[in-house]
Amino acid sequence: MSYYSVSESQAALNGVFKSDTYPGIVKAAMAAKLIDRDIAYDAAIDSTVAHSK
């Protein structure tokens, strides 16, 4: 099991997850007919959850 720091979480959500992983998830969900249109990353993911208080 891995735990991520706030900065690591922010980097992941705004980096490789946004550019590589999320588009693959959307493509697979559309192919499986779980969704019927592309959903913009910013509409689906709230990256502010990785902000420290």
PDB file of N, CA and C in Angstrom:
ATOM      1  N   MET A   1       0.840  -1.158   0.000  1.00  0.00           N
ATOM      2  CA  MET A   1       0.000   0.000   0.000  1.00  0.00           C
ATOM      3  C   MET A   1       0.895   1.232   0.000  1.00  0.00           C
ATOM      4  N   SER A   2       0.472   2.240  -0.742  1.00  0.00           N
ATOM      5  CA  SER A   2       1.230   3.490  -0.818  1.00  0.00           C
ATOM      6  C   SER A   2       0.384   4.643  -0.314  1.00  0.00           C
ATOM      7  N   TYR A   3       1.044   5.556   0.337  1.00  0.00           N
ATOM      8  CA  TYR A   3       0.391   6.784   0.781  1.00  0.00           C
ATOM      9  C   TYR A   3       1.095   7.941   0.096  1.00  0.00           C
ATOM     10  N   TYR A   4       0.325   8.929  -0.302  1.00  0.00           N
ATOM     11  CA  TYR A   4       0.877  10.061  -1.024  1.00  0.00           C
ATOM     12  C   TYR A   4       0.771  11.330  -0.201  1.00  0.00           C
ATOM     13  N   SER A   5       1.777  12.171  -0.302  1.00  0.00           N
ATOM     14  CA  SER A   5       1.726  13.466   0.360  1.00  0.00           C
ATOM     15  C   SER A   5       0.785  14.376  -0.423  1.00  0.00           C
ATOM     16  N   VAL A   6       0.476  15.511   0.155  1.00  0.00           N
ATOM     17  CA  VAL A   6      -0.380  16.478  -0.535  1.00  0.00           C
ATOM     18  C   VAL A   6       0.252  16.880  -1.862  1.00  0.00           C
ATOM     19  N   SER A   7       1.537  17.186  -1.853  1.00  0.00           N
ATOM     20  CA  SER A   7       2.192  17.615  -3.094  1.00  0.00           C
ATOM     21  C   SER A   7       2.229  16.488  -4.132  1.00  0.00           C
ATOM     22  N   GLU A   8       2.412  15.254  -3.699  1.00  0.00           N
ATOM     23  CA  GLU A   8       2.393  14.120  -4.629  1.00  0.00           C
ATOM     24  C   GLU A   8       0.988  13.914  -5.208  1.00  0.00           C
ATOM     25  N   SER A   9      -0.023  14.083  -4.393  1.00  0.00           N
ATOM     26  CA  SER A   9      -1.407  13.953  -4.867  1.00  0.00           C
ATOM     27  C   SER A   9      -1.745  15.033  -5.877  1.00  0.00           C
ATOM     28  N   GLN A  10      -1.345  16.265  -5.581  1.00  0.00           N
ATOM     29  CA  GLN A  10      -1.587  17.369  -6.508  1.00  0.00           C
ATOM     30  C   GLN A  10      -0.881  17.118  -7.834  1.00  0.00           C
ATOM     31  N   ALA A  11       0.356  16.685  -7.758  1.00  0.00           N
ATOM     32  CA  ALA A  11       1.121  16.423  -8.976  1.00  0.00           C
ATOM     33  C   ALA A  11       0.477  15.313  -9.806  1.00  0.00           C
ATOM     34  N   ALA A  12       0.007  14.276  -9.151  1.00  0.00           N
ATOM     35  CA  ALA A  12      -0.617  13.165  -9.871  1.00  0.00           C
ATOM     36  C   ALA A  12      -1.938  13.583 -10.510  1.00  0.00           C
ATOM     37  N   LEU A  13      -2.780  14.277  -9.756  1.00  0.00           N
ATOM     38  CA  LEU A  13      -4.090  14.674 -10.283  1.00  0.00           C
ATOM     39  C   LEU A  13      -3.974  15.681 -11.418  1.00  0.00           C
ATOM     40  N   ASN A  14      -2.966  16.497 -11.388  1.00  0.00           N
ATOM     41  CA  ASN A  14      -2.807  17.515 -12.423  1.00  0.00           C
ATOM     42  C   ASN A  14      -1.750  17.159 -13.456  1.00  0.00           C
ATOM     43  N   GLY A  15      -1.190  15.974 -13.350  1.00  0.00           N
ATOM     44  CA  GLY A  15      -0.137  15.543 -14.275  1.00  0.00           C
ATOM     45  C   GLY A  15      -0.565  14.348 -15.093  1.00  0.00           C
ATOM     46  N   VAL A  16       0.087  13.222 -14.822  1.00  0.00           N
ATOM     47  CA  VAL A  16      -0.109  12.017 -15.627  1.00  0.00           C
ATOM     48  C   VAL A  16      -1.545  11.487 -15.551  1.00  0.00           C
ATOM     49  N   PHE A  17      -2.206  11.617 -14.425  1.00  0.00           N
ATOM     50  CA  PHE A  17      -3.594  11.157 -14.344  1.00  0.00           C
ATOM     51  C   PHE A  17      -4.463  11.959 -15.302  1.00  0.00           C
ATOM     52  N   LYS A  18      -4.261  13.272 -15.317  1.00  0.00           N
ATOM     53  CA  LYS A  18      -5.054  14.147 -16.185  1.00  0.00           C
ATOM     54  C   LYS A  18      -4.737  13.917 -17.656  1.00  0.00           C
ATOM     55  N   SER A  19      -3.460  13.770 -17.976  1.00  0.00           N
ATOM     56  CA  SER A  19      -3.067  13.679 -19.380  1.00  0.00           C
ATOM     57  C   SER A  19      -3.171  12.276 -19.968  1.00  0.00           C
ATOM     58  N   ASP A  20      -2.976  11.238 -19.144  1.00  0.00           N
ATOM     59  CA  ASP A  20      -2.930   9.869 -19.678  1.00  0.00           C
ATOM     60  C   ASP A  20      -4.034   8.959 -19.152  1.00  0.00           C
ATOM     61  N   THR A  21      -4.189   8.923 -17.854  1.00  0.00           N
ATOM     62  CA  THR A  21      -5.122   7.963 -17.245  1.00  0.00           C
ATOM     63  C   THR A  21      -6.579   8.330 -17.498  1.00  0.00           C
ATOM     64  N   TYR A  22      -6.945   9.570 -17.222  1.00  0.00           N
ATOM     65  CA  TYR A  22      -8.350   9.977 -17.354  1.00  0.00           C
ATOM     66  C   TYR A  22      -8.891   9.789 -18.772  1.00  0.00           C
ATOM     67  N   PRO A  23      -8.162  10.202 -19.807  1.00  0.00           N
ATOM     68  CA  PRO A  23      -8.682   9.961 -21.157  1.00  0.00           C
ATOM     69  C   PRO A  23      -8.932   8.471 -21.446  1.00  0.00           C
ATOM     70  N   GLY A  24      -8.093   7.609 -20.909  1.00  0.00           N
ATOM     71  CA  GLY A  24      -8.300   6.169 -21.077  1.00  0.00           C
ATOM     72  C   GLY A  24      -9.542   5.671 -20.362  1.00  0.00           C
ATOM     73  N   ILE A  25      -9.792   6.236 -19.186  1.00  0.00           N
ATOM     74  CA  ILE A  25     -10.994   5.874 -18.431  1.00  0.00           C
ATOM     75  C   ILE A  25     -12.242   6.287 -19.210  1.00  0.00           C
ATOM     76  N   VAL A  26     -12.236   7.502 -19.734  1.00  0.00           N
ATOM     77  CA  VAL A  26     -13.386   7.992 -20.510  1.00  0.00           C
ATOM     78  C   VAL A  26     -13.596   7.125 -21.746  1.00  0.00           C
ATOM     79  N   LYS A  27     -12.519   6.809 -22.443  1.00  0.00           N
ATOM     80  CA  LYS A  27     -12.628   5.970 -23.653  1.00  0.00           C
ATOM     81  C   LYS A  27     -13.214   4.604 -23.315  1.00  0.00           C
ATOM     82  N   ALA A  28     -12.740   3.989 -22.241  1.00  0.00           N
ATOM     83  CA  ALA A  28     -13.255   2.674 -21.841  1.00  0.00           C
ATOM     84  C   ALA A  28     -14.709   2.759 -21.402  1.00  0.00           C
ATOM     85  N   ALA A  29     -15.057   3.803 -20.687  1.00  0.00           N
ATOM     86  CA  ALA A  29     -16.448   3.961 -20.228  1.00  0.00           C
ATOM     87  C   ALA A  29     -17.385   4.177 -21.409  1.00  0.00           C
ATOM     88  N   MET A  30     -16.929   4.913 -22.411  1.00  0.00           N
ATOM     89  CA  MET A  30     -17.758   5.103 -23.611  1.00  0.00           C
ATOM     90  C   MET A  30     -17.899   3.789 -24.388  1.00  0.00           C
ATOM     91  N   ALA A  31     -16.818   3.032 -24.497  1.00  0.00           N
ATOM     92  CA  ALA A  31     -16.863   1.753 -25.209  1.00  0.00           C
ATOM     93  C   ALA A  31     -17.795   0.768 -24.502  1.00  0.00           C
ATOM     94  N   ALA A  32     -17.837   0.840 -23.170  1.00  0.00           N
ATOM     95  CA  ALA A  32     -18.704  -0.048 -22.398  1.00  0.00           C
ATOM     96  C   ALA A  32     -20.127   0.503 -22.275  1.00  0.00           C
ATOM     97  N   LYS A  33     -20.347   1.663 -22.902  1.00  0.00           N
ATOM     98  CA  LYS A  33     -21.653   2.326 -22.892  1.00  0.00           C
ATOM     99  C   LYS A  33     -22.098   2.708 -21.470  1.00  0.00           C
ATOM    100  N   LEU A  34     -21.107   3.001 -20.619  1.00  0.00           N
ATOM    101  CA  LEU A  34     -21.410   3.509 -19.278  1.00  0.00           C
ATOM    102  C   LEU A  34     -21.698   4.999 -19.327  1.00  0.00           C
ATOM    103  N   ILE A  35     -21.102   5.667 -20.307  1.00  0.00           N
ATOM    104  CA  ILE A  35     -21.387   7.071 -20.573  1.00  0.00           C
ATOM    105  C   ILE A  35     -21.573   7.221 -22.073  1.00  0.00           C
ATOM    106  N   ASP A  36     -22.290   8.257 -22.495  1.00  0.00           N
ATOM    107  CA  ASP A  36     -22.552   8.408 -23.926  1.00  0.00           C
ATOM    108  C   ASP A  36     -21.847   9.597 -24.554  1.00  0.00           C
ATOM    109  N   ARG A  37     -21.021  10.298 -23.759  1.00  0.00           N
ATOM    110  CA  ARG A  37     -20.267  11.418 -24.301  1.00  0.00           C
ATOM    111  C   ARG A  37     -19.007  11.633 -23.479  1.00  0.00           C
ATOM    112  N   ASP A  38     -18.078  12.348 -24.060  1.00  0.00           N
ATOM    113  CA  ASP A  38     -16.850  12.694 -23.353  1.00  0.00           C
ATOM    114  C   ASP A  38     -17.199  13.652 -22.213  1.00  0.00           C
ATOM    115  N   ILE A  39     -16.618  13.448 -21.078  1.00  0.00           N
ATOM    116  CA  ILE A  39     -16.821  14.320 -19.933  1.00  0.00           C
ATOM    117  C   ILE A  39     -15.488  15.003 -19.646  1.00  0.00           C
ATOM    118  N   ALA A  40     -15.508  16.326 -19.682  1.00  0.00           N
ATOM    119  CA  ALA A  40     -14.280  17.089 -19.469  1.00  0.00           C
ATOM    120  C   ALA A  40     -13.691  16.765 -18.101  1.00  0.00           C
ATOM    121  N   TYR A  41     -12.381  16.704 -18.053  1.00  0.00           N
ATOM    122  CA  TYR A  41     -11.670  16.388 -16.816  1.00  0.00           C
ATOM    123  C   TYR A  41     -12.107  17.307 -15.670  1.00  0.00           C
ATOM    124  N   ASP A  42     -12.113  18.607 -15.931  1.00  0.00           N
ATOM    125  CA  ASP A  42     -12.450  19.567 -14.873  1.00  0.00           C
ATOM    126  C   ASP A  42     -13.890  19.448 -14.396  1.00  0.00           C
ATOM    127  N   ALA A  43     -14.764  18.873 -15.209  1.00  0.00           N
ATOM    128  CA  ALA A  43     -16.155  18.658 -14.805  1.00  0.00           C
ATOM    129  C   ALA A  43     -16.301  17.392 -13.954  1.00  0.00           C
ATOM    130  N   ALA A  44     -15.342  16.479 -14.073  1.00  0.00           N
ATOM    131  CA  ALA A  44     -15.449  15.199 -13.383  1.00  0.00           C
ATOM    132  C   ALA A  44     -14.553  15.077 -12.166  1.00  0.00           C
ATOM    133  N   ILE A  45     -13.425  15.763 -12.188  1.00  0.00           N
ATOM    134  CA  ILE A  45     -12.410  15.606 -11.138  1.00  0.00           C
ATOM    135  C   ILE A  45     -12.238  16.928 -10.391  1.00  0.00           C
ATOM    136  N   ASP A  46     -12.342  16.881  -9.089  1.00  0.00           N
ATOM    137  CA  ASP A  46     -12.100  18.037  -8.240  1.00  0.00           C
ATOM    138  C   ASP A  46     -10.714  17.886  -7.614  1.00  0.00           C
ATOM    139  N   SER A  47      -9.721  18.451  -8.275  1.00  0.00           N
ATOM    140  CA  SER A  47      -8.355  18.287  -7.787  1.00  0.00           C
ATOM    141  C   SER A  47      -8.082  19.100  -6.533  1.00  0.00           C
ATOM    142  N   THR A  48      -9.020  19.934  -6.113  1.00  0.00           N
ATOM    143  CA  THR A  48      -8.814  20.696  -4.873  1.00  0.00           C
ATOM    144  C   THR A  48      -8.890  19.808  -3.651  1.00  0.00           C
ATOM    145  N   VAL A  49      -9.377  18.593  -3.792  1.00  0.00           N
ATOM    146  CA  VAL A  49      -9.419  17.685  -2.642  1.00  0.00           C
ATOM    147  C   VAL A  49      -8.019  17.325  -2.182  1.00  0.00           C
ATOM    148  N   ALA A  50      -7.028  17.566  -3.023  1.00  0.00           N
ATOM    149  CA  ALA A  50      -5.654  17.247  -2.664  1.00  0.00           C
ATOM    150  C   ALA A  50      -4.926  18.451  -2.062  1.00  0.00           C
ATOM    151  N   HIS A  51      -5.644  19.493  -1.765  1.00  0.00           N
ATOM    152  CA  HIS A  51      -5.034  20.679  -1.177  1.00  0.00           C
ATOM    153  C   HIS A  51      -4.999  20.546   0.337  1.00  0.00           C
ATOM    154  N   SER A  52      -3.942  20.998   0.925  1.00  0.00           N
ATOM    155  CA  SER A  52      -3.851  20.953   2.381  1.00  0.00           C
ATOM    156  C   SER A  52      -4.606  22.128   2.980  1.00  0.00           C
ATOM    157  N   LYS A  53      -5.002  21.966   4.207  1.00  0.00           N
ATOM    158  CA  LYS A  53      -5.746  23.027   4.889  1.00  0.00           C
ATOM    159  C   LYS A  53      -4.852  23.727   5.866  1.00  0.00           C
TER     160      LYS A  53
END
